Each structure stands twice: as C-alpha cells, then as structure tokens.
C-alpha cells in the first residue's frame, strides 16, 4: 500500500461513510488482523478498500504492516460497543483531533459558507458545485451539512458551528513576517490585555488543558474572538471562544464590532466576553474581571443592567 500521507487534492474521492463503517465492523469481528482476510471480507460488502483503509490509517484509527491491520487500542475500546451514530462522532473527533488532509479539505469547503440571518449557508456556483462534491457528500452523510432543495442551499447544522468557526479561523492566517508586523502594530493596551487573559486562561484550565488555549487574534483578526480556550466539566471539554475587552473599572464600557456581534450570535453559549478593568497604562485588575457567556442574550436582554448604544458608527479615511 502506498504511503498514507500522500494524498491528492481531493482526499475524499471514493471515501464513503458506509464503507468506513463496514471496514470498522470487519476489523472488530475478525480475530486475526491478516490484511488479505480483512480485504476479502470487506470486498464482499463494499468497495474501495485501499482508500477506506488509508482514511482510517491517516486518522490514527489503525496500524498497518505488510500483512496485518490492527485497530489502535484506544480506538478499539471506543468502538467495541458503539452504534453507528456514536461511531460517526468518533470518526469526526478523529478528523478534528489533529491536522490531516481530510480536516484541511473540510475546512476549505466550510470556509465557503457564510453566516446569514442566524444560519450558516452556502449556495455554490455550478463550477464549485462539482469541485467540492466528494467532501460535501461526506459531510452530508456524517450529519454536518444539510441540503435544502427549495432554496438550493447547503447549511451547517447548528451542533457543528464550531467546525465553521475553525474554518474561518484557518482561512485568513498571517504568514510569519506579516504576523510579526501585526504584533508590532497591534494596539498596546489591547494586546497587553489579551496577553493577560491568555495567562489567566492557562491558569484557569490547568496544566492538563493549557495546550488548548490559543491566541487567535494575532493570527487572524477576522475570527471575531481573541482567544480560543476550553470549558472543562465532567471530564469533557467544550470550546470556549473569548473576546477580550480592556475596560474602565467604573463603567466597564466597551465597543463591539459588527463582525464580533455576528460571531457572538453564532457561537452563543460558547462565546465569552472577558471585560478586563485597566488600572494603569499596562496594569489590569484581574480580580475584578467580568466573564459573560452568551453575551448577546445577557447584554441585550438586560437593559436594567447594560446601556446599549446601537447607533455608534466608526469612520476612518481610506489609506
């Protein structure tokens, strides 16, 4: 078998969810991991054995030698007593877990979608309809994307908006030289506030989870949040998207861009405002920080607590 790291641009060509589930079933039911036996049993029920096996190998689900195919221990434990719906979630988790050609192609496709009136939608031109057909069909099969015939649009299902957020995050990253220049140009107080919250978040989640805390805004200012972190509970993690605002300790007044508002609405309870009071030029009162989950609801539905000025307009000269 060829090196699984070698993929053409269309990684999802001949990748079918049904075939993946059949191969997993064959691997679980076959005591001996002999490749020839597994291939024979698979081919009795499905097609595209090599592509399907390469998919699982690339994601770290199986180990392959010349004559054997072995399920990874952690993956085997997960799937032994799982139904197809749970297996689909496991497959999706493997795709999201680390950089791989399948993740890259999914994010490239999802970056074509747009947040419009509360939904994540995409209406492709005839050219792009064919170009992304394989990855699109996989996402429909696995329950990430849905198609509406009446409007001829594709929609990301609400429970997978985090993948769309990741697609936007990856789509406009700065190259190292531009990143260095961006860091120099970035507002000093705002940058210092973000650095303070980055440290705050790493302390909050602890050593075990600090690797999940990332400074996003220095790489992609259009993401609509500054830091990506996690909320930990019951041994599970949920993504936490943090927008940092350096504020007066008296009024906690801050400004929200239209892009930040759209992203806050999109990510709702996973979106957090961290309002960090400024004591002096580069000092912050972290003990007086206000942390607000789902700030669209909390702020706009509480006029007794928050004064919202909806007509603020920012103008600048084009340069």
Protein backbone atom coordinates (compact mmCIF):
# COMPACT_ATOMS: atom_id res chain seq x y z
CA UNK A 1 0.00 0.00 0.00
CA UNK A 2 1.29 3.49 -0.77
CA UNK A 3 2.26 5.91 1.99
CA UNK A 4 -0.98 7.20 3.52
CA UNK A 5 0.50 10.68 3.84
CA UNK A 6 0.41 11.04 0.07
CA UNK A 7 -2.97 12.39 -0.95
CA UNK A 8 -4.15 14.20 -3.99
CA UNK A 9 -6.04 17.43 -3.67
CA UNK A 10 -9.36 15.58 -3.49
CA UNK A 11 -8.79 13.50 -0.35
CA UNK A 12 -12.46 12.46 -0.16
CA UNK A 13 -12.59 10.85 -3.60
CA UNK A 14 -14.07 7.34 -3.13
CA UNK A 15 -14.49 7.93 0.63
CA UNK A 16 -17.93 6.78 1.70
CA UNK A 17 -19.21 6.67 5.29
CA UNK A 18 -20.93 3.33 4.71
CA UNK A 19 -17.63 1.78 3.56
CA UNK A 20 -15.81 3.18 6.60
CA UNK A 21 -18.36 1.67 8.97
CA UNK A 22 -18.20 -1.69 7.16
CA UNK A 23 -14.39 -1.77 7.40
CA UNK A 24 -14.55 -0.95 11.13
CA UNK A 25 -17.13 -3.74 11.59
CA UNK A 26 -14.93 -6.24 9.72
CA UNK A 27 -11.88 -5.27 11.80
CA UNK A 28 -13.80 -5.70 15.05
CA UNK A 29 -15.28 -9.06 14.04
CA UNK A 30 -12.05 -10.56 12.64
CA UNK A 31 -9.86 -12.17 15.28
CA UNK A 32 -6.79 -12.31 13.07
CA UNK A 33 -5.71 -9.00 11.58
CA UNK A 34 -4.49 -10.55 8.34
CA UNK A 35 -4.80 -7.94 5.62
CA UNK A 36 -5.81 -10.44 2.92
CA UNK A 37 -8.64 -11.84 5.07
CA UNK A 38 -9.92 -8.41 6.04
CA UNK A 39 -9.80 -7.21 2.44
CA UNK A 40 -11.71 -10.28 1.24
CA UNK A 41 -14.46 -9.86 3.85
CA UNK A 42 -14.70 -6.13 3.19
CA UNK A 43 -14.98 -6.62 -0.59
CA UNK A 44 -17.95 -8.94 -0.09
CA UNK A 45 -19.93 -5.97 1.28
CA UNK A 46 -18.30 -2.79 -0.03
CA UNK A 47 -15.78 -1.22 -2.43
CA UNK A 48 -12.66 1.00 -2.41
CA UNK A 49 -10.78 -0.97 0.23
CA UNK A 50 -7.42 0.81 -0.16
CA UNK A 51 -8.87 4.33 0.04
CA UNK A 52 -11.04 3.42 3.02
CA UNK A 53 -8.15 1.80 4.86
CA UNK A 54 -5.92 4.80 4.11
CA UNK A 55 -8.60 7.06 5.62
CA UNK A 56 -8.59 5.18 8.95
CA UNK A 57 -4.80 4.92 8.94
CA UNK A 58 -4.30 8.64 8.34
CA UNK A 59 -6.64 9.48 11.22
CA UNK A 60 -4.77 7.14 13.57
CA UNK A 61 -7.51 4.53 13.88
CA UNK A 62 -5.44 1.60 12.59
CA UNK A 63 -1.83 0.48 12.25
CA UNK A 64 -0.77 -1.20 9.02
CA UNK A 65 2.11 -3.56 8.27
CA UNK A 66 2.75 -5.62 5.13
CA UNK A 67 0.42 -8.42 6.23
CA UNK A 68 -1.57 -7.09 9.17
CA UNK A 69 -4.12 -4.41 10.01
CA UNK A 70 -4.53 -3.69 13.72
CA UNK A 71 -7.04 -1.41 15.40
CA UNK A 72 -5.40 1.11 17.73
CA UNK A 73 -6.21 0.20 21.35
CA UNK A 74 -7.98 3.46 22.22
CA UNK A 75 -9.99 3.39 19.01
CA UNK A 76 -10.95 -0.25 19.52
CA UNK A 77 -12.19 0.43 23.05
CA UNK A 78 -14.33 3.29 21.77
CA UNK A 79 -16.00 1.30 19.02
CA UNK A 80 -16.47 -2.16 20.54
CA UNK A 81 -19.93 -1.43 21.95
CA UNK A 82 -20.88 1.63 19.90
CA UNK A 83 -23.74 2.04 17.45
CA UNK A 84 -23.30 3.78 14.08
CA UNK A 85 -24.25 7.22 15.38
CA UNK A 86 -21.59 7.05 18.09
CA UNK A 87 -19.08 5.70 15.57
CA UNK A 88 -19.76 8.68 13.31
CA UNK A 89 -18.97 11.01 16.21
CA UNK A 90 -15.73 9.11 16.86
CA UNK A 91 -14.74 9.46 13.20
CA UNK A 92 -15.50 13.16 13.28
CA UNK A 93 -13.48 13.54 16.50
CA UNK A 94 -10.51 11.87 14.83
CA UNK A 95 -10.74 14.24 11.87
CA UNK A 96 -10.84 17.26 14.20
CA UNK A 97 -8.16 15.97 16.55
CA UNK A 98 -5.06 16.89 14.54
CA UNK A 99 -4.06 18.34 11.19
CA UNK A 100 -4.66 15.94 8.33
CA UNK A 101 -5.65 16.16 4.64
CA UNK A 102 -9.29 15.37 5.42
CA UNK A 103 -9.57 18.12 8.02
CA UNK A 104 -7.92 20.59 5.65
CA UNK A 105 -10.36 19.79 2.86
CA UNK A 106 -13.39 20.02 5.17
CA UNK A 107 -12.28 23.42 6.49
CA UNK A 108 -11.55 24.66 2.97
CA UNK A 109 -15.09 23.73 1.93
CA UNK A 110 -16.74 25.16 5.06
CA UNK A 111 -14.89 28.46 4.60
CA UNK A 112 -17.15 29.00 1.55
CA UNK A 113 -20.18 29.22 3.88
CA UNK A 114 -21.45 32.49 5.32
CA UNK A 115 -23.35 33.46 8.46
CA UNK A 116 -26.64 34.93 7.20
CA UNK A 117 -29.63 35.71 9.44
CA UNK A 118 -28.69 33.17 12.08
CA UNK A 119 -27.82 30.28 9.74
CA UNK A 120 -24.57 29.08 8.16
CA UNK A 121 -25.30 28.68 4.47
CA UNK A 122 -23.69 28.29 1.07
CA UNK A 123 -25.15 28.42 -2.42
CA UNK A 124 -22.45 27.22 -4.82
CA UNK A 125 -21.95 28.26 -8.41
CA UNK A 126 -22.02 25.46 -10.95
CA UNK A 127 -18.22 25.45 -11.04
CA UNK A 128 -17.80 24.94 -7.28
CA UNK A 129 -20.74 22.54 -7.02
CA UNK A 130 -18.71 19.86 -8.77
CA UNK A 131 -15.34 20.79 -7.27
CA UNK A 132 -16.37 20.06 -3.67
CA UNK A 133 -18.86 17.26 -4.36
CA UNK A 134 -16.90 14.47 -2.60
CA UNK A 135 -16.23 16.35 0.65
CA UNK A 136 -19.75 17.82 0.55
CA UNK A 137 -21.34 14.36 0.22
CA UNK A 138 -19.26 13.05 3.11
CA UNK A 139 -20.32 15.95 5.32
CA UNK A 140 -23.97 15.31 4.44
CA UNK A 141 -23.55 11.59 5.26
CA UNK A 142 -21.89 12.26 8.61
CA UNK A 143 -24.52 14.84 9.58
CA UNK A 144 -22.57 18.11 9.44
CA UNK A 145 -24.17 19.66 6.37
CA UNK A 146 -27.76 19.57 5.13
CA UNK A 147 -29.14 20.45 1.70
CA UNK A 148 -32.37 22.37 1.11
CA UNK A 149 -33.77 21.62 -2.36
CA UNK A 150 -36.18 24.54 -2.39
CA UNK A 151 -33.52 27.21 -1.84
CA UNK A 152 -30.70 25.17 -3.45
CA UNK A 153 -28.51 25.95 -0.44
CA UNK A 154 -26.34 23.92 1.89
CA UNK A 155 -26.50 24.54 5.63
CA UNK A 156 -24.16 23.68 8.50
CA UNK A 157 -26.24 22.04 11.23
CA UNK A 158 -26.25 24.10 14.48
CA UNK A 159 -24.41 21.48 16.55
CA UNK A 160 -21.40 21.77 14.22
CA UNK A 161 -20.94 25.55 14.15
CA UNK A 162 -17.57 25.06 15.88
CA UNK A 163 -16.23 23.49 12.68
CA UNK A 164 -17.38 26.55 10.75
CA UNK A 165 -15.67 28.80 13.32
CA UNK A 166 -12.48 26.76 12.90
CA UNK A 167 -12.76 27.09 9.10
CA UNK A 168 -12.95 30.89 9.40
CA UNK A 169 -10.09 30.88 11.88
CA UNK A 170 -7.83 28.94 9.49
CA UNK A 171 -8.84 30.77 6.33
CA UNK A 172 -7.01 34.07 6.92
CA UNK A 173 -3.96 33.26 8.99
CA UNK A 174 -0.97 35.57 8.65
CA UNK A 175 2.39 34.38 7.33
CA UNK A 176 5.24 34.65 9.91
CA UNK A 177 6.57 38.02 8.56
CA UNK A 178 3.08 39.52 8.47
CA UNK A 179 2.35 38.10 11.92
CA UNK A 180 5.46 39.78 13.35
CA UNK A 181 4.45 43.10 11.78
CA UNK A 182 0.87 42.67 13.03
CA UNK A 183 2.05 42.15 16.59
CA UNK A 184 4.09 45.36 16.42
CA UNK A 185 1.16 47.35 15.05
CA UNK A 186 -1.49 45.95 17.39
CA UNK A 187 -2.84 48.38 19.98
CA UNK A 188 -0.56 48.11 23.01
CA UNK A 189 -3.21 48.14 25.74
CA UNK A 190 -5.45 45.73 23.85
CA UNK A 191 -2.52 43.43 23.15
CA UNK A 192 -1.43 43.53 26.81
CA UNK A 193 -5.00 42.75 27.91
CA UNK A 194 -5.12 39.73 25.59
CA UNK A 195 -1.76 38.52 26.91
CA UNK A 196 -3.05 38.88 30.47
CA UNK A 197 -6.17 36.84 29.65
CA UNK A 198 -4.08 34.23 27.81
CA UNK A 199 -2.14 33.70 31.05
CA UNK A 200 -5.37 33.85 33.06
CA UNK A 201 -6.96 31.12 30.91
CA UNK A 202 -3.96 28.81 31.14
CA UNK A 203 -4.09 29.10 34.92
CA UNK A 204 -7.85 28.58 34.92
CA UNK A 205 -7.82 25.34 32.91
CA UNK A 206 -4.62 23.98 34.48
CA UNK A 207 -1.61 22.14 33.07
CA UNK A 208 -3.65 19.30 31.60
CA UNK A 209 -5.64 21.58 29.30
CA UNK A 210 -3.43 24.64 28.78
CA UNK A 211 -2.34 23.29 25.37
CA UNK A 212 -5.89 24.04 24.16
CA UNK A 213 -5.52 27.77 24.92
CA UNK A 214 -4.56 29.63 21.73
CA UNK A 215 -4.05 33.31 20.91
CA UNK A 216 -6.15 33.54 17.74
CA UNK A 217 -6.37 37.27 17.05
CA UNK A 218 -2.66 37.65 16.32
CA UNK A 219 -3.03 35.13 13.51
CA UNK A 220 -6.48 36.00 12.24
CA UNK A 221 -8.08 39.28 13.30
CA UNK A 222 -11.24 38.42 11.35
CA UNK A 223 -12.07 35.44 13.56
CA UNK A 224 -14.33 37.58 15.76
CA UNK A 225 -12.72 36.48 19.03
CA UNK A 226 -9.23 36.82 20.53
CA UNK A 227 -8.54 33.56 22.33
CA UNK A 228 -9.72 30.01 21.89
CA UNK A 229 -9.90 28.08 25.16
CA UNK A 230 -11.97 25.29 26.72
CA UNK A 231 -14.62 24.83 29.37
CA UNK A 232 -13.92 21.67 31.37
CA UNK A 233 -16.61 19.72 33.19
CA UNK A 234 -17.26 16.08 33.98
CA UNK A 235 -14.08 15.01 32.22
CA UNK A 236 -15.26 16.59 28.97
CA UNK A 237 -14.24 19.79 27.19
CA UNK A 238 -16.32 22.29 25.28
CA UNK A 239 -14.74 25.00 23.12
CA UNK A 240 -14.70 28.48 24.67
CA UNK A 241 -14.27 31.47 22.34
CA UNK A 242 -13.03 34.50 24.26
CA UNK A 243 -13.30 38.15 23.17
CA UNK A 244 -11.14 40.36 25.40
CA UNK A 245 -12.10 43.98 26.12
CA UNK A 246 -9.89 46.31 28.16
CA UNK A 247 -12.41 48.47 30.05
CA UNK A 248 -12.73 51.25 32.61
CA UNK A 249 -13.18 49.80 36.12
CA UNK A 250 -16.05 52.25 36.68
CA UNK A 251 -18.34 51.74 33.69
CA UNK A 252 -17.00 48.58 32.01
CA UNK A 253 -17.79 50.35 28.73
CA UNK A 254 -16.62 48.62 25.55
CA UNK A 255 -17.20 48.65 21.80
CA UNK A 256 -18.36 45.68 19.76
CA UNK A 257 -17.67 45.42 16.02
CA UNK A 258 -20.32 44.08 13.66
CA UNK A 259 -18.14 41.05 12.97
CA UNK A 260 -17.76 40.33 16.69
CA UNK A 261 -21.53 40.64 17.14
CA UNK A 262 -22.18 38.19 14.31
CA UNK A 263 -19.71 35.68 15.74
CA UNK A 264 -21.11 36.12 19.27
CA UNK A 265 -24.59 35.38 17.92
CA UNK A 266 -23.30 32.37 16.01
CA UNK A 267 -21.40 30.78 18.92
CA UNK A 268 -23.93 31.83 21.63
CA UNK A 269 -23.17 29.98 24.90
CA UNK A 270 -19.66 29.07 23.75
CA UNK A 271 -18.79 32.74 23.19
CA UNK A 272 -17.45 34.65 26.19
CA UNK A 273 -16.74 38.31 26.80
CA UNK A 274 -13.87 38.92 29.22
CA UNK A 275 -14.14 42.53 30.43
CA UNK A 276 -10.78 43.32 31.99
CA UNK A 277 -10.51 46.58 34.01
CA UNK A 278 -7.47 48.76 33.27
CA UNK A 279 -5.80 50.14 36.42
CA UNK A 280 -2.93 51.98 34.76
CA UNK A 281 -1.27 52.02 31.36
CA UNK A 282 -0.24 48.35 31.40
CA UNK A 283 -1.81 47.01 34.60
CA UNK A 284 -5.12 45.16 34.91
CA UNK A 285 -7.42 44.21 37.77
CA UNK A 286 -7.87 40.52 37.01
CA UNK A 287 -9.67 40.11 40.35
CA UNK A 288 -12.45 42.40 39.03
CA UNK A 289 -12.80 40.78 35.62
CA UNK A 290 -16.35 40.22 34.35
CA UNK A 291 -16.81 36.99 32.37
CA UNK A 292 -20.03 36.80 30.35
CA UNK A 293 -21.16 33.69 28.48
CA UNK A 294 -23.65 34.19 25.62
CA UNK A 295 -23.24 37.99 25.87
CA UNK A 296 -25.75 38.70 23.08
CA UNK A 297 -28.52 37.35 25.31
CA UNK A 298 -27.09 38.57 28.62
CA UNK A 299 -26.44 42.16 27.50
CA UNK A 300 -29.24 42.86 25.02
CA UNK A 301 -31.92 41.25 27.22
CA UNK A 302 -30.89 43.13 30.37
CA UNK A 303 -31.48 46.82 29.74
CA UNK A 304 -31.63 47.46 33.51
CA UNK A 305 -28.01 46.31 33.83
CA UNK A 306 -26.49 47.29 30.48
CA UNK A 307 -26.79 50.50 28.49
CA UNK A 308 -26.51 49.67 24.78
CA UNK A 309 -25.88 52.37 22.17
CA UNK A 310 -26.94 50.75 18.87
CA UNK A 311 -26.22 53.70 16.59
CA UNK A 312 -22.48 54.06 17.16
CA UNK A 313 -20.68 54.40 13.81
CA UNK A 314 -16.91 54.31 13.34
CA UNK A 315 -15.44 56.13 10.33
CA UNK A 316 -11.88 56.45 9.02
CA UNK A 317 -10.09 57.62 5.91
CA UNK A 318 -9.07 55.08 3.31
CA UNK A 319 -5.29 54.96 3.10
